Amino acid sequence: MLVKTKVIKDDCRDIVASHDGSRVYWDKERPRIEIEITKVENYERWK
């Protein structure tokens, strides 16, 4: 969704290290997507 809406250019594993889909809530009154972006320290890029 972030690439499709042009928030980020690419979502390959070197840019988006991981995601957590375990927190999925549905708000019928105010549908939206909330994203939290944090920097990952000491992340080894794929070669």
Protein backbone atom coordinates (compact mmCIF):
# COMPACT_ATOMS: atom_id res chain seq x y z
CA MET A 1 0.00 0.00 0.00
CA LEU A 2 2.88 2.41 0.73
CA VAL A 3 4.32 1.96 -2.76
CA LYS A 4 0.92 2.17 -4.44
CA THR A 5 0.18 5.50 -2.72
CA LYS A 6 3.75 6.72 -3.42
CA VAL A 7 4.69 7.14 0.25
CA ILE A 8 7.82 5.09 -0.43
CA LYS A 9 9.42 4.22 -3.77
CA ASP A 10 10.14 0.55 -3.12
CA ASP A 11 9.26 -1.98 -0.44
CA CYS A 12 12.01 -4.52 -1.07
CA ARG A 13 13.52 -6.22 1.96
CA ASP A 14 16.50 -3.81 1.98
CA ILE A 15 14.11 -0.92 2.65
CA VAL A 16 11.30 -2.59 4.61
CA ALA A 17 13.10 -5.02 6.92
CA SER A 18 9.97 -6.52 8.42
CA HIS A 19 6.31 -6.01 9.05
CA ASP A 20 3.97 -7.10 11.75
CA GLY A 21 0.49 -7.93 10.53
CA SER A 22 -0.65 -9.25 13.89
CA ARG A 23 -2.24 -5.96 14.90
CA VAL A 24 -5.15 -5.66 12.53
CA TYR A 25 -8.14 -3.66 13.71
CA TRP A 26 -11.17 -2.56 11.79
CA ASP A 27 -12.80 0.79 12.49
CA LYS A 28 -16.08 1.02 10.58
CA GLU A 29 -16.57 4.66 11.53
CA ARG A 30 -13.09 5.88 10.51
CA PRO A 31 -11.46 3.42 8.06
CA ARG A 32 -7.75 4.12 7.65
CA ILE A 33 -4.27 2.64 7.55
CA GLU A 34 -1.87 3.55 10.35
CA ILE A 35 1.84 2.95 9.82
CA GLU A 36 4.68 3.17 12.32
CA ILE A 37 8.13 3.49 10.79
CA THR A 38 11.22 2.90 12.91
CA LYS A 39 14.87 2.68 12.02
CA VAL A 40 16.45 -0.75 12.41
CA GLU A 41 19.97 -0.56 13.81
CA ASN A 42 22.68 -2.98 12.64
CA TYR A 43 20.56 -4.39 9.83
CA GLU A 44 22.55 -6.46 7.33
CA ARG A 45 21.38 -5.81 3.79
CA TRP A 46 20.83 -8.81 1.52
CA LYS A 47 23.64 -9.30 -0.94
